[in-house]
Protein backbone atom coordinates (compact mmCIF):
# COMPACT_ATOMS: atom_id res chain seq x y z
CA MET A 1 -1.86 -3.74 23.45
CA ASP A 2 -3.66 -5.71 20.77
CA GLU A 3 -1.39 -6.80 17.91
CA ASN A 4 -3.96 -5.82 15.26
CA LEU A 5 -4.28 -2.36 16.77
CA ASN A 6 -0.52 -1.94 16.71
CA GLN A 7 -0.44 -3.02 13.05
CA ASP A 8 -3.27 -0.61 12.19
CA ILE A 9 -1.35 2.26 13.78
CA LEU A 10 1.86 1.31 11.97
CA ASP A 11 -0.02 1.05 8.66
CA LYS A 12 -1.39 4.58 9.10
CA LEU A 13 2.04 5.99 9.94
CA THR A 14 4.09 4.10 7.33
CA LYS A 15 4.25 5.82 3.94
CA VAL A 16 4.49 3.41 1.02
CA CYS A 17 4.73 6.24 -1.49
CA ILE A 18 6.95 8.88 0.07
CA CYS A 19 6.60 11.32 -2.85
CA THR A 20 2.81 11.56 -2.63
CA GLY A 21 2.47 10.61 1.05
CA VAL A 22 0.26 7.55 0.58
CA PRO A 23 0.22 5.41 3.75
CA ARG A 24 0.23 1.62 3.85
CA SER A 25 -3.28 1.69 5.35
CA THR A 26 -4.61 3.31 2.16
CA MET A 27 -2.77 0.82 -0.04
CA LYS A 28 -4.21 -2.11 1.92
CA ARG A 29 -7.71 -0.64 1.76
CA VAL A 30 -7.72 -0.21 -2.02
CA ILE A 31 -6.27 -3.70 -2.49
CA ARG A 32 -9.02 -5.15 -0.28
CA GLU A 33 -11.57 -3.19 -2.32
CA GLY A 34 -10.45 -4.84 -5.56
CA ALA A 35 -7.36 -3.06 -6.90
CA ASP A 36 -5.52 -6.26 -7.77
CA THR A 37 -2.74 -4.96 -10.00
CA LEU A 38 0.02 -2.40 -9.62
CA GLU A 39 -1.61 -0.17 -12.20
CA LYS A 40 -4.99 -0.23 -10.44
CA VAL A 41 -3.45 0.58 -7.06
CA GLN A 42 -1.47 3.44 -8.59
CA LYS A 43 -4.52 4.82 -10.39
CA VAL A 44 -6.68 4.84 -7.25
CA THR A 45 -4.03 6.14 -4.83
CA GLY A 46 -1.90 8.38 -7.03
CA ALA A 47 1.18 6.43 -5.98
CA GLY A 48 3.94 6.42 -8.57
CA SER A 49 3.07 9.89 -9.84
CA GLY A 50 5.58 11.71 -7.66
CA GLY A 51 9.13 12.82 -8.22
CA CYS A 52 10.66 9.34 -8.36
CA SER A 53 8.03 8.06 -10.84
CA GLY A 54 7.34 4.99 -8.71
CA ASN A 55 10.92 3.81 -8.31
CA ARG A 56 10.57 3.69 -4.51
CA CYS A 57 6.96 2.59 -4.04
CA THR A 58 6.51 0.08 -6.88
CA PRO A 59 8.37 -2.77 -5.11
CA LYS A 60 6.44 -2.06 -1.89
CA ILE A 61 3.09 -2.10 -3.69
CA LEU A 62 3.97 -5.35 -5.45
CA GLN A 63 4.92 -6.86 -2.08
CA LEU A 64 1.56 -5.80 -0.58
CA LEU A 65 -0.31 -7.32 -3.54
CA GLU A 66 1.61 -10.58 -3.11
CA GLU A 67 0.99 -10.64 0.65
CA TYR A 68 -2.73 -10.12 0.11
CA LYS A 69 -2.86 -12.83 -2.56
CA ASN A 70 -1.10 -15.22 -0.17
CA GLY A 71 -3.55 -14.44 2.63
CA GLU A 72 -0.91 -12.87 4.87
CA TRP A 73 -3.35 -10.11 5.87
CA GLU A 74 -7.04 -9.53 5.41
């Protein structure tokens, strides 16, 4: 199977924000569309507004922002 297809499937299945159920695919999409800070990503996706107040998803979102900035994914 194509590696990009596998990654797309994993991104759809992997929840970055467990409390609000936001998948990695959504996070990547909003980052590609211009949400270039943690606050912008959280505002668009609702991540960080769940029971843990962002304690679980904040590091993951920051990692995705860094990966995108470094050109690790498109």
